[in-house]
Amino acid sequence: MFNNLSNLGYGLVTFAIIIGVGSIVLVKFGGSLAECGTGFTYNATLDTCSNGTTIDNVDPTNAGWVNTNYLTGQLGSSGLAGWTPAIIALSVGMLFLGVFMTRGGRKI
């Protein structure tokens, strides 16, 4: 059973790495595609277009940035990563149910 638990742990770590690296790549890719209007420059720290004041920060509106920003959200906490607690609970529950079901009629 502990061998199965370690495999489950490796799977969860791989899942977390895929989400983390995917988010970083998408944010950097979106920043390289961002186009700002006249008088605005892309601010990579805030991930917005800025004209030098903190009041006028707007999102880039070109299709490349909008699509990668959407995908980043779907990969992040409002998407796949938001399902992580449910995936962990279901995996551990199935693991324990499998252990109890395979015992047959044996005594503990």
PDB file of N, CA and C in Angstrom:
ATOM      1  N   MET A   1       0.828  -1.195   0.000  1.00  0.00           N
ATOM      2  CA  MET A   1       0.000   0.000   0.000  1.00  0.00           C
ATOM      3  C   MET A   1       0.868   1.252   0.000  1.00  0.00           C
ATOM      4  N   PHE A   2       1.974   1.218   0.733  1.00  0.00           N
ATOM      5  CA  PHE A   2       2.829   2.399   0.778  1.00  0.00           C
ATOM      6  C   PHE A   2       3.516   2.643  -0.559  1.00  0.00           C
ATOM      7  N   ASN A   3       3.737   1.575  -1.325  1.00  0.00           N
ATOM      8  CA  ASN A   3       4.271   1.727  -2.663  1.00  0.00           C
ATOM      9  C   ASN A   3       3.276   2.495  -3.535  1.00  0.00           C
ATOM     10  N   ASN A   4       1.991   2.175  -3.379  1.00  0.00           N
ATOM     11  CA  ASN A   4       0.959   2.897  -4.121  1.00  0.00           C
ATOM     12  C   ASN A   4       0.873   4.356  -3.675  1.00  0.00           C
ATOM     13  N   LEU A   5       1.048   4.591  -2.381  1.00  0.00           N
ATOM     14  CA  LEU A   5       1.027   5.967  -1.883  1.00  0.00           C
ATOM     15  C   LEU A   5       2.198   6.780  -2.422  1.00  0.00           C
ATOM     16  N   SER A   6       3.363   6.170  -2.529  1.00  0.00           N
ATOM     17  CA  SER A   6       4.507   6.906  -3.076  1.00  0.00           C
ATOM     18  C   SER A   6       4.289   7.201  -4.557  1.00  0.00           C
ATOM     19  N   ASN A   7       3.691   6.271  -5.294  1.00  0.00           N
ATOM     20  CA  ASN A   7       3.374   6.534  -6.698  1.00  0.00           C
ATOM     21  C   ASN A   7       2.346   7.654  -6.826  1.00  0.00           C
ATOM     22  N   LEU A   8       1.381   7.680  -5.920  1.00  0.00           N
ATOM     23  CA  LEU A   8       0.397   8.760  -5.912  1.00  0.00           C
ATOM     24  C   LEU A   8       1.082  10.096  -5.629  1.00  0.00           C
ATOM     25  N   GLY A   9       2.036  10.091  -4.710  1.00  0.00           N
ATOM     26  CA  GLY A   9       2.790  11.314  -4.408  1.00  0.00           C
ATOM     27  C   GLY A   9       3.587  11.799  -5.605  1.00  0.00           C
ATOM     28  N   TYR A  10       4.236  10.871  -6.318  1.00  0.00           N
ATOM     29  CA  TYR A  10       4.977  11.249  -7.529  1.00  0.00           C
ATOM     30  C   TYR A  10       4.040  11.848  -8.578  1.00  0.00           C
ATOM     31  N   GLY A  11       2.870  11.272  -8.699  1.00  0.00           N
ATOM     32  CA  GLY A  11       1.888  11.795  -9.655  1.00  0.00           C
ATOM     33  C   GLY A  11       1.433  13.197  -9.300  1.00  0.00           C
ATOM     34  N   LEU A  12       1.210  13.453  -8.008  1.00  0.00           N
ATOM     35  CA  LEU A  12       0.774  14.785  -7.577  1.00  0.00           C
ATOM     36  C   LEU A  12       1.876  15.823  -7.760  1.00  0.00           C
ATOM     37  N   VAL A  13       3.126  15.430  -7.500  1.00  0.00           N
ATOM     38  CA  VAL A  13       4.242  16.351  -7.712  1.00  0.00           C
ATOM     39  C   VAL A  13       4.379  16.681  -9.197  1.00  0.00           C
ATOM     40  N   THR A  14       4.237  15.681 -10.050  1.00  0.00           N
ATOM     41  CA  THR A  14       4.290  15.916 -11.494  1.00  0.00           C
ATOM     42  C   THR A  14       3.155  16.829 -11.931  1.00  0.00           C
ATOM     43  N   PHE A  15       1.972  16.613 -11.395  1.00  0.00           N
ATOM     44  CA  PHE A  15       0.812  17.460 -11.687  1.00  0.00           C
ATOM     45  C   PHE A  15       1.091  18.914 -11.302  1.00  0.00           C
ATOM     46  N   ALA A  16       1.663  19.125 -10.123  1.00  0.00           N
ATOM     47  CA  ALA A  16       1.983  20.484  -9.665  1.00  0.00           C
ATOM     48  C   ALA A  16       3.046  21.133 -10.546  1.00  0.00           C
ATOM     49  N   ILE A  17       4.043  20.358 -10.963  1.00  0.00           N
ATOM     50  CA  ILE A  17       5.090  20.908 -11.827  1.00  0.00           C
ATOM     51  C   ILE A  17       4.519  21.308 -13.180  1.00  0.00           C
ATOM     52  N   ILE A  18       3.641  20.491 -13.731  1.00  0.00           N
ATOM     53  CA  ILE A  18       3.020  20.822 -15.019  1.00  0.00           C
ATOM     54  C   ILE A  18       2.213  22.107 -14.913  1.00  0.00           C
ATOM     55  N   ILE A  19       1.458  22.276 -13.850  1.00  0.00           N
ATOM     56  CA  ILE A  19       0.662  23.500 -13.670  1.00  0.00           C
ATOM     57  C   ILE A  19       1.578  24.704 -13.482  1.00  0.00           C
ATOM     58  N   GLY A  20       2.617  24.573 -12.664  1.00  0.00           N
ATOM     59  CA  GLY A  20       3.526  25.693 -12.415  1.00  0.00           C
ATOM     60  C   GLY A  20       4.290  26.118 -13.649  1.00  0.00           C
ATOM     61  N   VAL A  21       4.895  25.167 -14.338  1.00  0.00           N
ATOM     62  CA  VAL A  21       5.663  25.504 -15.536  1.00  0.00           C
ATOM     63  C   VAL A  21       4.742  26.017 -16.638  1.00  0.00           C
ATOM     64  N   GLY A  22       3.572  25.395 -16.778  1.00  0.00           N
ATOM     65  CA  GLY A  22       2.615  25.860 -17.787  1.00  0.00           C
ATOM     66  C   GLY A  22       2.164  27.282 -17.545  1.00  0.00           C
ATOM     67  N   SER A  23       1.910  27.633 -16.291  1.00  0.00           N
ATOM     68  CA  SER A  23       1.498  29.005 -15.970  1.00  0.00           C
ATOM     69  C   SER A  23       2.606  30.005 -16.274  1.00  0.00           C
ATOM     70  N   ILE A  24       3.832  29.670 -15.907  1.00  0.00           N
ATOM     71  CA  ILE A  24       4.957  30.574 -16.164  1.00  0.00           C
ATOM     72  C   ILE A  24       5.158  30.785 -17.658  1.00  0.00           C
ATOM     73  N   VAL A  25       5.107  29.695 -18.413  1.00  0.00           N
ATOM     74  CA  VAL A  25       5.291  29.803 -19.868  1.00  0.00           C
ATOM     75  C   VAL A  25       4.188  30.635 -20.499  1.00  0.00           C
ATOM     76  N   LEU A  26       2.935  30.423 -20.084  1.00  0.00           N
ATOM     77  CA  LEU A  26       1.829  31.183 -20.658  1.00  0.00           C
ATOM     78  C   LEU A  26       1.907  32.669 -20.315  1.00  0.00           C
ATOM     79  N   VAL A  27       2.292  33.002 -19.089  1.00  0.00           N
ATOM     80  CA  VAL A  27       2.405  34.412 -18.704  1.00  0.00           C
ATOM     81  C   VAL A  27       3.509  35.090 -19.510  1.00  0.00           C
ATOM     82  N   LYS A  28       4.646  34.445 -19.640  1.00  0.00           N
ATOM     83  CA  LYS A  28       5.752  35.028 -20.412  1.00  0.00           C
ATOM     84  C   LYS A  28       5.397  35.134 -21.895  1.00  0.00           C
ATOM     85  N   PHE A  29       4.709  34.131 -22.421  1.00  0.00           N
ATOM     86  CA  PHE A  29       4.297  34.162 -23.819  1.00  0.00           C
ATOM     87  C   PHE A  29       3.280  35.281 -24.056  1.00  0.00           C
ATOM     88  N   GLY A  30       2.335  35.439 -23.131  1.00  0.00           N
ATOM     89  CA  GLY A  30       1.361  36.525 -23.250  1.00  0.00           C
ATOM     90  C   GLY A  30       2.018  37.886 -23.183  1.00  0.00           C
ATOM     91  N   GLY A  31       3.032  38.032 -22.331  1.00  0.00           N
ATOM     92  CA  GLY A  31       3.754  39.298 -22.242  1.00  0.00           C
ATOM     93  C   GLY A  31       4.505  39.631 -23.515  1.00  0.00           C
ATOM     94  N   SER A  32       5.007  38.601 -24.194  1.00  0.00           N
ATOM     95  CA  SER A  32       5.725  38.866 -25.442  1.00  0.00           C
ATOM     96  C   SER A  32       4.776  39.206 -26.578  1.00  0.00           C
ATOM     97  N   LEU A  33       3.509  38.838 -26.462  1.00  0.00           N
ATOM     98  CA  LEU A  33       2.522  39.132 -27.500  1.00  0.00           C
ATOM     99  C   LEU A  33       1.738  40.417 -27.243  1.00  0.00           C
ATOM    100  N   ALA A  34       1.845  40.968 -26.046  1.00  0.00           N
ATOM    101  CA  ALA A  34       1.013  42.104 -25.654  1.00  0.00           C
ATOM    102  C   ALA A  34       1.290  43.331 -26.531  1.00  0.00           C
ATOM    103  N   GLU A  35       0.217  43.937 -26.974  1.00  0.00           N
ATOM    104  CA  GLU A  35       0.299  45.186 -27.725  1.00  0.00           C
ATOM    105  C   GLU A  35      -0.520  46.236 -26.983  1.00  0.00           C
ATOM    106  N   CYS A  36       0.089  47.372 -26.737  1.00  0.00           N
ATOM    107  CA  CYS A  36      -0.573  48.436 -25.998  1.00  0.00           C
ATOM    108  C   CYS A  36      -0.919  49.584 -26.942  1.00  0.00           C
ATOM    109  N   GLY A  37      -1.898  50.359 -26.536  1.00  0.00           N
ATOM    110  CA  GLY A  37      -2.311  51.502 -27.339  1.00  0.00           C
ATOM    111  C   GLY A  37      -1.270  52.611 -27.330  1.00  0.00           C
ATOM    112  N   THR A  38      -1.563  53.675 -28.060  1.00  0.00           N
ATOM    113  CA  THR A  38      -0.657  54.810 -28.167  1.00  0.00           C
ATOM    114  C   THR A  38      -0.452  55.456 -26.800  1.00  0.00           C
ATOM    115  N   GLY A  39       0.798  55.656 -26.442  1.00  0.00           N
ATOM    116  CA  GLY A  39       1.136  56.291 -25.171  1.00  0.00           C
ATOM    117  C   GLY A  39       1.269  55.314 -24.018  1.00  0.00           C
ATOM    118  N   PHE A  40       1.019  54.049 -24.264  1.00  0.00           N
ATOM    119  CA  PHE A  40       1.104  53.036 -23.215  1.00  0.00           C
ATOM    120  C   PHE A  40       2.252  52.081 -23.516  1.00  0.00           C
ATOM    121  N   THR A  41       2.863  51.571 -22.466  1.00  0.00           N
ATOM    122  CA  THR A  41       3.893  50.544 -22.602  1.00  0.00           C
ATOM    123  C   THR A  41       3.498  49.357 -21.728  1.00  0.00           C
ATOM    124  N   TYR A  42       3.927  48.173 -22.125  1.00  0.00           N
ATOM    125  CA  TYR A  42       3.588  46.973 -21.375  1.00  0.00           C
ATOM    126  C   TYR A  42       4.436  46.890 -20.113  1.00  0.00           C
ATOM    127  N   ASN A  43       3.792  46.720 -18.979  1.00  0.00           N
ATOM    128  CA  ASN A  43       4.445  46.587 -17.688  1.00  0.00           C
ATOM    129  C   ASN A  43       4.385  45.114 -17.293  1.00  0.00           C
ATOM    130  N   ALA A  44       5.509  44.413 -17.399  1.00  0.00           N
ATOM    131  CA  ALA A  44       5.535  42.975 -17.131  1.00  0.00           C
ATOM    132  C   ALA A  44       5.284  42.652 -15.660  1.00  0.00           C
ATOM    133  N   THR A  45       5.613  43.565 -14.764  1.00  0.00           N
ATOM    134  CA  THR A  45       5.396  43.321 -13.341  1.00  0.00           C
ATOM    135  C   THR A  45       3.907  43.294 -13.013  1.00  0.00           C
ATOM    136  N   LEU A  46       3.170  44.266 -13.548  1.00  0.00           N
ATOM    137  CA  LEU A  46       1.735  44.342 -13.292  1.00  0.00           C
ATOM    138  C   LEU A  46       0.918  43.574 -14.319  1.00  0.00           C
ATOM    139  N   ASP A  47       1.541  43.139 -15.418  1.00  0.00           N
ATOM    140  CA  ASP A  47       0.876  42.432 -16.507  1.00  0.00           C
ATOM    141  C   ASP A  47      -0.230  43.278 -17.136  1.00  0.00           C
ATOM    142  N   THR A  48       0.033  44.589 -17.243  1.00  0.00           N
ATOM    143  CA  THR A  48      -0.916  45.522 -17.840  1.00  0.00           C
ATOM    144  C   THR A  48      -0.175  46.535 -18.707  1.00  0.00           C
ATOM    145  N   CYS A  49      -0.951  47.332 -19.434  1.00  0.00           N
ATOM    146  CA  CYS A  49      -0.385  48.455 -20.182  1.00  0.00           C
ATOM    147  C   CYS A  49      -0.453  49.685 -19.290  1.00  0.00           C
ATOM    148  N   SER A  50       0.626  50.419 -19.201  1.00  0.00           N
ATOM    149  CA  SER A  50       0.707  51.558 -18.296  1.00  0.00           C
ATOM    150  C   SER A  50       1.220  52.774 -19.046  1.00  0.00           C
ATOM    151  N   ASN A  51       0.745  53.941 -18.620  1.00  0.00           N
ATOM    152  CA  ASN A  51       1.244  55.182 -19.224  1.00  0.00           C
ATOM    153  C   ASN A  51       2.113  55.977 -18.252  1.00  0.00           C
ATOM    154  N   GLY A  52       2.606  55.322 -17.244  1.00  0.00           N
ATOM    155  CA  GLY A  52       3.491  55.979 -16.291  1.00  0.00           C
ATOM    156  C   GLY A  52       2.824  56.318 -14.969  1.00  0.00           C
ATOM    157  N   THR A  53       1.508  56.346 -14.922  1.00  0.00           N
ATOM    158  CA  THR A  53       0.810  56.591 -13.651  1.00  0.00           C
ATOM    159  C   THR A  53       0.178  55.285 -13.192  1.00  0.00           C
ATOM    160  N   THR A  54      -0.037  55.168 -11.918  1.00  0.00           N
ATOM    161  CA  THR A  54      -0.648  53.944 -11.395  1.00  0.00           C
ATOM    162  C   THR A  54      -2.152  53.931 -11.586  1.00  0.00           C
ATOM    163  N   ILE A  55      -2.730  55.045 -11.999  1.00  0.00           N
ATOM    164  CA  ILE A  55      -4.180  55.121 -12.164  1.00  0.00           C
ATOM    165  C   ILE A  55      -4.614  54.522 -13.503  1.00  0.00           C
ATOM    166  N   ASP A  56      -3.827  54.721 -14.536  1.00  0.00           N
ATOM    167  CA  ASP A  56      -4.228  54.319 -15.878  1.00  0.00           C
ATOM    168  C   ASP A  56      -3.561  53.018 -16.319  1.00  0.00           C
ATOM    169  N   ASN A  57      -3.802  51.944 -15.618  1.00  0.00           N
ATOM    170  CA  ASN A  57      -3.313  50.630 -16.032  1.00  0.00           C
ATOM    171  C   ASN A  57      -4.456  49.879 -16.697  1.00  0.00           C
ATOM    172  N   VAL A  58      -4.285  49.499 -17.944  1.00  0.00           N
ATOM    173  CA  VAL A  58      -5.316  48.779 -18.690  1.00  0.00           C
ATOM    174  C   VAL A  58      -4.724  47.492 -19.251  1.00  0.00           C
ATOM    175  N   ASP A  59      -5.575  46.524 -19.489  1.00  0.00           N
ATOM    176  CA  ASP A  59      -5.129  45.261 -20.074  1.00  0.00           C
ATOM    177  C   ASP A  59      -4.914  45.426 -21.567  1.00  0.00           C
ATOM    178  N   PRO A  60      -3.922  44.735 -22.117  1.00  0.00           N
ATOM    179  CA  PRO A  60      -3.774  44.722 -23.573  1.00  0.00           C
ATOM    180  C   PRO A  60      -5.010  44.090 -24.207  1.00  0.00           C
ATOM    181  N   THR A  61      -5.353  44.513 -25.395  1.00  0.00           N
ATOM    182  CA  THR A  61      -6.589  44.027 -26.011  1.00  0.00           C
ATOM    183  C   THR A  61      -6.360  43.189 -27.259  1.00  0.00           C
ATOM    184  N   ASN A  62      -5.110  42.950 -27.654  1.00  0.00           N
ATOM    185  CA  ASN A  62      -4.904  42.135 -28.848  1.00  0.00           C
ATOM    186  C   ASN A  62      -5.243  40.673 -28.564  1.00  0.00           C
ATOM    187  N   ALA A  63      -5.598  39.952 -29.615  1.00  0.00           N
ATOM    188  CA  ALA A  63      -6.113  38.581 -29.472  1.00  0.00           C
ATOM    189  C   ALA A  63      -5.089  37.638 -28.852  1.00  0.00           C
ATOM    190  N   GLY A  64      -3.814  37.781 -29.180  1.00  0.00           N
ATOM    191  CA  GLY A  64      -2.791  36.888 -28.625  1.00  0.00           C
ATOM    192  C   GLY A  64      -2.707  36.990 -27.117  1.00  0.00           C
ATOM    193  N   TRP A  65      -2.717  38.207 -26.586  1.00  0.00           N
ATOM    194  CA  TRP A  65      -2.631  38.383 -25.137  1.00  0.00           C
ATOM    195  C   TRP A  65      -3.910  37.911 -24.461  1.00  0.00           C
ATOM    196  N   VAL A  66      -5.059  38.234 -25.041  1.00  0.00           N
ATOM    197  CA  VAL A  66      -6.334  37.846 -24.437  1.00  0.00           C
ATOM    198  C   VAL A  66      -6.444  36.328 -24.348  1.00  0.00           C
ATOM    199  N   ASN A  67      -6.054  35.623 -25.400  1.00  0.00           N
ATOM    200  CA  ASN A  67      -6.152  34.161 -25.393  1.00  0.00           C
ATOM    201  C   ASN A  67      -5.192  33.526 -24.399  1.00  0.00           C
ATOM    202  N   THR A  68      -3.953  33.993 -24.341  1.00  0.00           N
ATOM    203  CA  THR A  68      -3.010  33.405 -23.382  1.00  0.00           C
ATOM    204  C   THR A  68      -3.384  33.758 -21.949  1.00  0.00           C
ATOM    205  N   ASN A  69      -3.948  34.930 -21.725  1.00  0.00           N
ATOM    206  CA  ASN A  69      -4.414  35.295 -20.383  1.00  0.00           C
ATOM    207  C   ASN A  69      -5.569  34.394 -19.953  1.00  0.00           C
ATOM    208  N   TYR A  70      -6.465  34.079 -20.885  1.00  0.00           N
ATOM    209  CA  TYR A  70      -7.576  33.169 -20.600  1.00  0.00           C
ATOM    210  C   TYR A  70      -7.052  31.774 -20.260  1.00  0.00           C
ATOM    211  N   LEU A  71      -6.102  31.280 -21.045  1.00  0.00           N
ATOM    212  CA  LEU A  71      -5.535  29.950 -20.791  1.00  0.00           C
ATOM    213  C   LEU A  71      -4.800  29.891 -19.459  1.00  0.00           C
ATOM    214  N   THR A  72      -4.136  30.983 -19.093  1.00  0.00           N
ATOM    215  CA  THR A  72      -3.472  31.032 -17.790  1.00  0.00           C
ATOM    216  C   THR A  72      -4.493  30.904 -16.666  1.00  0.00           C
ATOM    217  N   GLY A  73      -5.617  31.570 -16.816  1.00  0.00           N
ATOM    218  CA  GLY A  73      -6.689  31.449 -15.825  1.00  0.00           C
ATOM    219  C   GLY A  73      -7.269  30.057 -15.758  1.00  0.00           C
ATOM    220  N   GLN A  74      -7.402  29.396 -16.909  1.00  0.00           N
ATOM    221  CA  GLN A  74      -7.939  28.035 -16.937  1.00  0.00           C
ATOM    222  C   GLN A  74      -6.963  27.018 -16.355  1.00  0.00           C
ATOM    223  N   LEU A  75      -5.689  27.313 -16.427  1.00  0.00           N
ATOM    224  CA  LEU A  75      -4.693  26.424 -15.841  1.00  0.00           C
ATOM    225  C   LEU A  75      -4.506  26.710 -14.359  1.00  0.00           C
ATOM    226  N   GLY A  76      -4.785  27.931 -13.942  1.00  0.00           N
ATOM    227  CA  GLY A  76      -4.565  28.360 -12.563  1.00  0.00           C
ATOM    228  C   GLY A  76      -5.707  28.002 -11.639  1.00  0.00           C
ATOM    229  N   SER A  77      -5.902  28.817 -10.606  1.00  0.00           N
ATOM    230  CA  SER A  77      -6.842  28.485  -9.532  1.00  0.00           C
ATOM    231  C   SER A  77      -8.299  28.437  -9.974  1.00  0.00           C
ATOM    232  N   SER A  78      -8.662  29.120 -11.074  1.00  0.00           N
ATOM    233  CA  SER A  78     -10.047  29.051 -11.518  1.00  0.00           C
ATOM    234  C   SER A  78     -10.269  27.909 -12.498  1.00  0.00           C
ATOM    235  N   GLY A  79      -9.253  27.113 -12.754  1.00  0.00           N
ATOM    236  CA  GLY A  79      -9.376  26.015 -13.707  1.00  0.00           C
ATOM    237  C   GLY A  79      -8.859  24.710 -13.137  1.00  0.00           C
ATOM    238  N   LEU A  80      -7.841  24.164 -13.790  1.00  0.00           N
ATOM    239  CA  LEU A  80      -7.322  22.848 -13.441  1.00  0.00           C
ATOM    240  C   LEU A  80      -6.758  22.791 -12.025  1.00  0.00           C
ATOM    241  N   ALA A  81      -6.020  23.796 -11.611  1.00  0.00           N
ATOM    242  CA  ALA A  81      -5.434  23.778 -10.267  1.00  0.00           C
ATOM    243  C   ALA A  81      -6.511  23.860  -9.187  1.00  0.00           C
ATOM    244  N   GLY A  82      -7.661  24.414  -9.504  1.00  0.00           N
ATOM    245  CA  GLY A  82      -8.761  24.468  -8.551  1.00  0.00           C
ATOM    246  C   GLY A  82      -9.346  23.103  -8.234  1.00  0.00           C
ATOM    247  N   TRP A  83      -9.131  22.148  -9.132  1.00  0.00           N
ATOM    248  CA  TRP A  83      -9.616  20.791  -8.928  1.00  0.00           C
ATOM    249  C   TRP A  83      -8.636  19.932  -8.134  1.00  0.00           C
ATOM    250  N   THR A  84      -7.471  20.444  -7.816  1.00  0.00           N
ATOM    251  CA  THR A  84      -6.434  19.653  -7.156  1.00  0.00           C
ATOM    252  C   THR A  84      -6.896  19.026  -5.833  1.00  0.00           C
ATOM    253  N   PRO A  85      -7.557  19.751  -4.920  1.00  0.00           N
ATOM    254  CA  PRO A  85      -8.000  19.095  -3.676  1.00  0.00           C
ATOM    255  C   PRO A  85      -8.974  17.946  -3.926  1.00  0.00           C
ATOM    256  N   ALA A  86      -9.864  18.107  -4.895  1.00  0.00           N
ATOM    257  CA  ALA A  86     -10.804  17.033  -5.203  1.00  0.00           C
ATOM    258  C   ALA A  86     -10.080  15.828  -5.796  1.00  0.00           C
ATOM    259  N   ILE A  87      -9.090  16.065  -6.648  1.00  0.00           N
ATOM    260  CA  ILE A  87      -8.318  14.971  -7.247  1.00  0.00           C
ATOM    261  C   ILE A  87      -7.553  14.215  -6.166  1.00  0.00           C
ATOM    262  N   ILE A  88      -6.957  14.932  -5.225  1.00  0.00           N
ATOM    263  CA  ILE A  88      -6.215  14.290  -4.135  1.00  0.00           C
ATOM    264  C   ILE A  88      -7.157  13.453  -3.268  1.00  0.00           C
ATOM    265  N   ALA A  89      -8.290  14.029  -2.877  1.00  0.00           N
ATOM    266  CA  ALA A  89      -9.233  13.311  -2.023  1.00  0.00           C
ATOM    267  C   ALA A  89      -9.773  12.066  -2.719  1.00  0.00           C
ATOM    268  N   LEU A  90     -10.109  12.176  -3.993  1.00  0.00           N
ATOM    269  CA  LEU A  90     -10.627  11.036  -4.736  1.00  0.00           C
ATOM    270  C   LEU A  90      -9.566   9.952  -4.896  1.00  0.00           C
ATOM    271  N   SER A  91      -8.338  10.340  -5.180  1.00  0.00           N
ATOM    272  CA  SER A  91      -7.256   9.360  -5.361  1.00  0.00           C
ATOM    273  C   SER A  91      -6.972   8.603  -4.070  1.00  0.00           C
ATOM    274  N   VAL A  92      -6.865   9.313  -2.969  1.00  0.00           N
ATOM    275  CA  VAL A  92      -6.584   8.656  -1.684  1.00  0.00           C
ATOM    276  C   VAL A  92      -7.764   7.780  -1.273  1.00  0.00           C
ATOM    277  N   GLY A  93      -8.967   8.252  -1.484  1.00  0.00           N
ATOM    278  CA  GLY A  93     -10.151   7.455  -1.160  1.00  0.00           C
ATOM    279  C   GLY A  93     -10.223   6.181  -1.980  1.00  0.00           C
ATOM    280  N   MET A  94      -9.955   6.288  -3.274  1.00  0.00           N
ATOM    281  CA  MET A  94      -9.966   5.098  -4.136  1.00  0.00           C
ATOM    282  C   MET A  94      -8.859   4.119  -3.730  1.00  0.00           C
ATOM    283  N   LEU A  95      -7.715   4.664  -3.332  1.00  0.00           N
ATOM    284  CA  LEU A  95      -6.609   3.820  -2.898  1.00  0.00           C
ATOM    285  C   LEU A  95      -6.998   3.002  -1.667  1.00  0.00           C
ATOM    286  N   PHE A  96      -7.587   3.644  -0.664  1.00  0.00           N
ATOM    287  CA  PHE A  96      -7.983   2.934   0.542  1.00  0.00           C
ATOM    288  C   PHE A  96      -9.136   1.968   0.284  1.00  0.00           C
ATOM    289  N   LEU A  97     -10.086   2.362  -0.559  1.00  0.00           N
ATOM    290  CA  LEU A  97     -11.171   1.436  -0.899  1.00  0.00           C
ATOM    291  C   LEU A  97     -10.621   0.211  -1.623  1.00  0.00           C
ATOM    292  N   GLY A  98      -9.648   0.423  -2.500  1.00  0.00           N
ATOM    293  CA  GLY A  98      -9.031  -0.698  -3.203  1.00  0.00           C
ATOM    294  C   GLY A  98      -8.331  -1.647  -2.256  1.00  0.00           C
ATOM    295  N   VAL A  99      -7.670  -1.124  -1.249  1.00  0.00           N
ATOM    296  CA  VAL A  99      -6.982  -1.965  -0.267  1.00  0.00           C
ATOM    297  C   VAL A  99      -8.000  -2.808   0.504  1.00  0.00           C
ATOM    298  N   PHE A 100      -9.106  -2.211   0.916  1.00  0.00           N
ATOM    299  CA  PHE A 100     -10.097  -2.957   1.683  1.00  0.00           C
ATOM    300  C   PHE A 100     -10.840  -3.970   0.819  1.00  0.00           C
ATOM    301  N   MET A 101     -11.037  -3.665  -0.455  1.00  0.00           N
ATOM    302  CA  MET A 101     -11.750  -4.575  -1.344  1.00  0.00           C
ATOM    303  C   MET A 101     -10.899  -5.781  -1.730  1.00  0.00           C
ATOM    304  N   THR A 102      -9.578  -5.622  -1.808  1.00  0.00           N
ATOM    305  CA  THR A 102      -8.720  -6.714  -2.228  1.00  0.00           C
ATOM    306  C   THR A 102      -8.379  -7.675  -1.090  1.00  0.00           C
ATOM    307  N   ARG A 103      -8.725  -7.356   0.121  1.00  0.00           N
ATOM    308  CA  ARG A 103      -8.421  -8.232   1.238  1.00  0.00           C
ATOM    309  C   ARG A 103      -9.282  -9.485   1.202  1.00  0.00           C
ATOM    310  N   GLY A 104     -10.409  -9.448   0.529  1.00  0.00           N
ATOM    311  CA  GLY A 104     -11.290 -10.625   0.480  1.00  0.00           C
ATOM    312  C   GLY A 104     -11.906 -10.867   1.844  1.00  0.00           C
ATOM    313  N   GLY A 105     -11.819 -12.106   2.308  1.00  0.00           N
ATOM    314  CA  GLY A 105     -12.386 -12.445   3.608  1.00  0.00           C
ATOM    315  C   GLY A 105     -11.340 -12.590   4.677  1.00  0.00           C
ATOM    316  N   ARG A 106     -10.139 -12.111   4.429  1.00  0.00           N
ATOM    317  CA  ARG A 106      -9.055 -12.273   5.408  1.00  0.00           C
ATOM    318  C   ARG A 106      -9.277 -11.384   6.630  1.00  0.00           C
ATOM    319  N   LYS A 107      -8.783 -11.863   7.730  1.00  0.00           N
ATOM    320  CA  LYS A 107      -8.858 -11.076   8.954  1.00  0.00           C
ATOM    321  C   LYS A 107      -7.666 -10.148   9.020  1.00  0.00           C
ATOM    322  N   ILE A 108      -7.832  -9.051   9.741  1.00  0.00           N
ATOM    323  CA  ILE A 108      -6.751  -8.063   9.886  1.00  0.00           C
ATOM    324  C   ILE A 108      -5.715  -8.554  10.854  1.00  0.00           C
TER     325      ILE A 108
END
